[in-house]
Protein backbone atom coordinates (compact mmCIF):
# COMPACT_ATOMS: atom_id res chain seq x y z
CA UNK A 1 12.61 -1.86 29.68
CA UNK A 2 16.43 -2.57 29.08
CA UNK A 3 18.02 -0.88 25.85
CA UNK A 4 19.32 -2.24 22.86
CA UNK A 5 22.72 -1.97 24.14
CA UNK A 6 22.30 -3.67 27.52
CA UNK A 7 20.27 -6.35 25.83
CA UNK A 8 23.12 -7.13 23.56
CA UNK A 9 25.74 -7.35 26.19
CA UNK A 10 23.18 -9.93 27.95
CA UNK A 11 22.80 -11.95 24.66
CA UNK A 12 26.73 -12.00 24.48
CA UNK A 13 26.60 -13.28 27.67
CA UNK A 14 24.88 -16.07 27.28
CA UNK A 15 21.26 -14.65 28.12
CA UNK A 16 18.88 -16.25 25.38
CA UNK A 17 15.72 -14.33 26.73
CA UNK A 18 17.84 -11.15 26.23
CA UNK A 19 18.26 -12.19 22.86
CA UNK A 20 14.20 -12.99 22.33
CA UNK A 21 13.58 -9.50 23.26
CA UNK A 22 15.52 -8.19 20.55
CA UNK A 23 13.95 -10.12 18.21
CA UNK A 24 10.24 -9.70 19.13
CA UNK A 25 11.51 -5.81 19.51
CA UNK A 26 12.78 -5.79 15.35
CA UNK A 27 10.97 -9.41 13.62
CA UNK A 28 8.45 -6.82 12.35
CA UNK A 29 10.66 -4.24 10.65
CA UNK A 30 13.20 -7.10 9.56
CA UNK A 31 10.43 -9.07 7.72
CA UNK A 32 9.14 -5.91 6.27
CA UNK A 33 12.45 -5.40 4.69
CA UNK A 34 12.68 -8.76 3.57
CA UNK A 35 9.35 -8.79 2.08
CA UNK A 36 9.58 -5.68 0.07
CA UNK A 37 13.08 -6.87 -1.12
CA UNK A 38 11.59 -10.47 -2.23
CA UNK A 39 7.85 -9.73 -2.58
CA UNK A 40 6.73 -13.22 -1.36
CA UNK A 41 5.58 -13.79 2.07
CA UNK A 42 7.00 -17.19 2.54
CA UNK A 43 10.19 -15.80 1.22
CA UNK A 44 10.07 -12.99 3.59
CA UNK A 45 9.50 -15.33 6.65
CA UNK A 46 12.30 -17.66 5.69
CA UNK A 47 14.84 -14.77 5.27
CA UNK A 48 14.04 -13.05 8.45
CA UNK A 49 14.12 -16.26 10.93
CA UNK A 50 17.93 -16.92 8.52
CA UNK A 51 18.79 -13.62 9.84
CA UNK A 52 18.18 -13.61 13.36
CA UNK A 53 20.06 -17.26 13.23
CA UNK A 54 22.50 -15.60 11.76
CA UNK A 55 22.87 -12.76 14.30
CA UNK A 56 22.40 -15.13 17.23
CA UNK A 57 25.38 -16.64 15.91
CA UNK A 58 27.26 -14.07 15.36
CA UNK A 59 26.91 -11.40 18.14
CA UNK A 60 29.75 -11.92 20.03
CA UNK A 61 30.91 -9.98 16.80
CA UNK A 62 28.67 -7.27 17.18
CA UNK A 63 30.57 -3.90 17.98
CA UNK A 64 28.39 -1.11 18.13
CA UNK A 65 29.47 0.84 15.58
CA UNK A 66 26.41 1.02 14.05
CA UNK A 67 22.84 0.63 15.73
CA UNK A 68 21.84 -3.12 16.17
CA UNK A 69 18.70 -2.55 14.46
CA UNK A 70 20.92 -1.29 11.57
CA UNK A 71 23.38 -4.45 11.86
CA UNK A 72 20.36 -6.81 11.78
CA UNK A 73 19.37 -5.06 8.28
CA UNK A 74 22.87 -5.40 6.75
CA UNK A 75 22.13 -9.01 7.67
CA UNK A 76 18.60 -9.39 6.44
CA UNK A 77 19.46 -7.32 3.26
CA UNK A 78 22.73 -9.28 2.36
CA UNK A 79 20.71 -12.51 2.72
CA UNK A 80 18.08 -11.28 0.55
CA UNK A 81 20.44 -9.84 -2.42
CA UNK A 82 22.30 -13.11 -2.46
CA UNK A 83 18.94 -14.88 -2.87
CA UNK A 84 18.01 -12.70 -5.69
CA UNK A 85 20.89 -12.76 -7.26
CA UNK A 86 21.07 -16.25 -7.39
CA UNK A 87 17.77 -16.44 -8.68
CA UNK A 88 18.01 -14.05 -11.29
CA UNK A 89 21.08 -12.90 -12.17
CA UNK A 90 19.95 -9.70 -13.15
CA UNK A 91 22.74 -6.96 -14.14
CA UNK A 92 22.78 -4.03 -12.11
CA UNK A 93 23.14 -1.60 -15.33
CA UNK A 94 20.07 -2.94 -16.98
CA UNK A 95 17.91 -0.34 -15.02
CA UNK A 96 19.93 2.70 -17.28
CA UNK A 97 17.87 2.11 -20.41
CA UNK A 98 14.22 1.68 -19.05
CA UNK A 99 14.36 5.27 -17.47
CA UNK A 100 13.59 8.24 -19.06
CA UNK A 101 12.20 10.69 -16.34
CA UNK A 102 13.70 12.87 -13.64
CA UNK A 103 14.22 12.53 -10.20
CA UNK A 104 10.73 12.27 -8.94
CA UNK A 105 9.77 11.20 -5.23
CA UNK A 106 7.30 8.39 -5.08
CA UNK A 107 4.51 8.52 -1.98
CA UNK A 108 4.07 5.36 0.09
CA UNK A 109 0.96 5.88 1.27
CA UNK A 110 -2.59 7.75 -0.18
CA UNK A 111 -2.90 10.62 2.99
CA UNK A 112 -5.96 10.12 4.27
CA UNK A 113 -7.44 11.01 8.19
CA UNK A 114 -10.46 9.27 8.08
CA UNK A 115 -10.20 6.66 4.83
CA UNK A 116 -12.93 5.20 3.72
CA UNK A 117 -13.66 1.96 2.18
CA UNK A 118 -12.47 3.24 -1.71
CA UNK A 119 -9.99 5.02 -0.12
CA UNK A 120 -8.69 2.01 1.75
CA UNK A 121 -9.00 -0.39 -1.72
CA UNK A 122 -7.63 2.11 -3.47
CA UNK A 123 -4.33 2.63 -0.95
CA UNK A 124 -4.15 -1.26 -0.99
CA UNK A 125 -3.99 -1.39 -4.82
CA UNK A 126 -1.18 1.07 -4.79
CA UNK A 127 0.94 -0.92 -2.54
CA UNK A 128 0.64 -3.90 -4.63
CA UNK A 129 1.08 -1.92 -7.99
CA UNK A 130 4.81 -0.54 -6.08
CA UNK A 131 5.69 -3.96 -4.44
CA UNK A 132 4.90 -5.74 -7.78
CA UNK A 133 7.29 -2.87 -9.63
CA UNK A 134 9.88 -3.33 -6.66
CA UNK A 135 10.12 -7.02 -7.84
CA UNK A 136 10.78 -5.64 -11.38
CA UNK A 137 14.11 -3.93 -9.96
CA UNK A 138 17.30 -5.33 -10.15
CA UNK A 139 19.02 -6.44 -6.18
CA UNK A 140 21.09 -3.01 -5.58
CA UNK A 141 18.34 -0.83 -7.18
CA UNK A 142 15.40 -2.58 -4.72
CA UNK A 143 17.30 -2.63 -2.26
CA UNK A 144 18.37 1.21 -2.29
CA UNK A 145 14.81 2.38 -2.48
CA UNK A 146 13.48 -0.14 -0.13
CA UNK A 147 15.59 0.92 2.87
CA UNK A 148 15.29 4.86 2.04
CA UNK A 149 11.85 4.90 1.21
CA UNK A 150 10.08 2.41 3.00
CA UNK A 151 12.23 1.90 5.87
CA UNK A 152 14.06 5.49 6.26
CA UNK A 153 17.51 4.78 6.29
CA UNK A 154 19.77 7.71 5.91
CA UNK A 155 21.98 7.48 2.44
CA UNK A 156 25.10 7.19 5.06
CA UNK A 157 23.48 4.04 6.77
CA UNK A 158 22.82 2.71 3.11
CA UNK A 159 25.96 3.31 1.69
CA UNK A 160 27.47 1.24 4.78
CA UNK A 161 24.89 -1.44 4.36
CA UNK A 162 25.49 -1.49 0.71
CA UNK A 163 29.26 -1.36 0.59
CA UNK A 164 29.56 1.53 -1.99
CA UNK A 165 30.05 5.16 -1.80
CA UNK A 166 26.90 7.68 -0.66
CA UNK A 167 26.86 9.34 -4.56
CA UNK A 168 26.07 5.77 -5.82
CA UNK A 169 23.14 5.21 -3.37
CA UNK A 170 21.82 9.24 -4.36
CA UNK A 171 22.18 7.70 -8.16
CA UNK A 172 20.87 4.11 -7.65
CA UNK A 173 17.68 5.74 -5.64
CA UNK A 174 17.03 8.31 -7.81
CA UNK A 175 16.97 6.15 -11.12
CA UNK A 176 14.84 3.52 -9.18
CA UNK A 177 12.01 6.04 -8.06
CA UNK A 178 11.76 7.60 -12.02
CA UNK A 179 11.49 4.00 -13.06
CA UNK A 180 8.90 3.18 -10.61
CA UNK A 181 6.94 6.79 -11.47
CA UNK A 182 7.11 6.09 -14.83
CA UNK A 183 5.62 2.50 -14.83
CA UNK A 184 2.95 3.64 -12.38
CA UNK A 185 2.06 6.27 -14.47
CA UNK A 186 1.87 4.00 -17.21
CA UNK A 187 -0.67 1.50 -15.39
CA UNK A 188 -2.74 4.58 -14.61
CA UNK A 189 -3.23 5.42 -17.97
CA UNK A 190 -3.99 2.30 -19.15
CA UNK A 191 -6.59 1.97 -16.15
CA UNK A 192 -8.06 5.36 -17.29
CA UNK A 193 -8.23 3.96 -21.00
CA UNK A 194 -10.25 0.86 -19.78
CA UNK A 195 -12.39 2.67 -17.89
CA UNK A 196 -13.37 5.03 -20.19
CA UNK A 197 -13.70 2.38 -23.00
CA UNK A 198 -16.25 0.40 -20.63
CA UNK A 199 -18.32 3.35 -20.00
CA UNK A 200 -18.58 3.98 -24.16
CA UNK A 201 -19.61 0.29 -24.36
CA UNK A 202 -21.77 0.75 -21.58
CA UNK A 203 -23.45 3.83 -22.99
CA UNK A 204 -23.80 2.46 -26.21
CA UNK A 205 -25.26 -0.96 -24.68
CA UNK A 206 -27.73 1.13 -22.90
CA UNK A 207 -28.93 3.40 -25.89
CA UNK A 208 -30.10 0.32 -28.24
């Protein structure tokens, strides 16, 4: 199996099959990044394809200062960020007034070695809740938390992609996590209240 570096070199020499191998290697990751940022399967598919096309056209400009996957992610995140800004015109600082909790880490998954149907359902529900909340974040905050908590990039790699300082990245991630935690807790409390109310009404109905 060829390394990324070998495939990139072959691609620069006009080997289309080598670039197709790179696409196969990273298409799932790039699509995942696009989906987490856009919150739409169709948008994610369109922007992932656009990212690979842009990468192919610009392959000769790739100098290898970062890994090829990081370069690809930078392309797709820039495309998504531009599209989000174009659509929503959300201010980066709008998140400041919404956050009142500290720096709390959000768990991506519900750990279970052998999940049953109920656990699988709850896991899916949590992921959907997180995705819905992610779409409420402004582009810069959404981008930072997705790259760090869902894609596992380092703070330095994120700073390079977002063209800002590591301190800014850490601040955005901290505030985004707090916002997500606050909203998740509020939603869970609302669900619990509705369940208790339903049980009370059900008990009264059975007693009549």
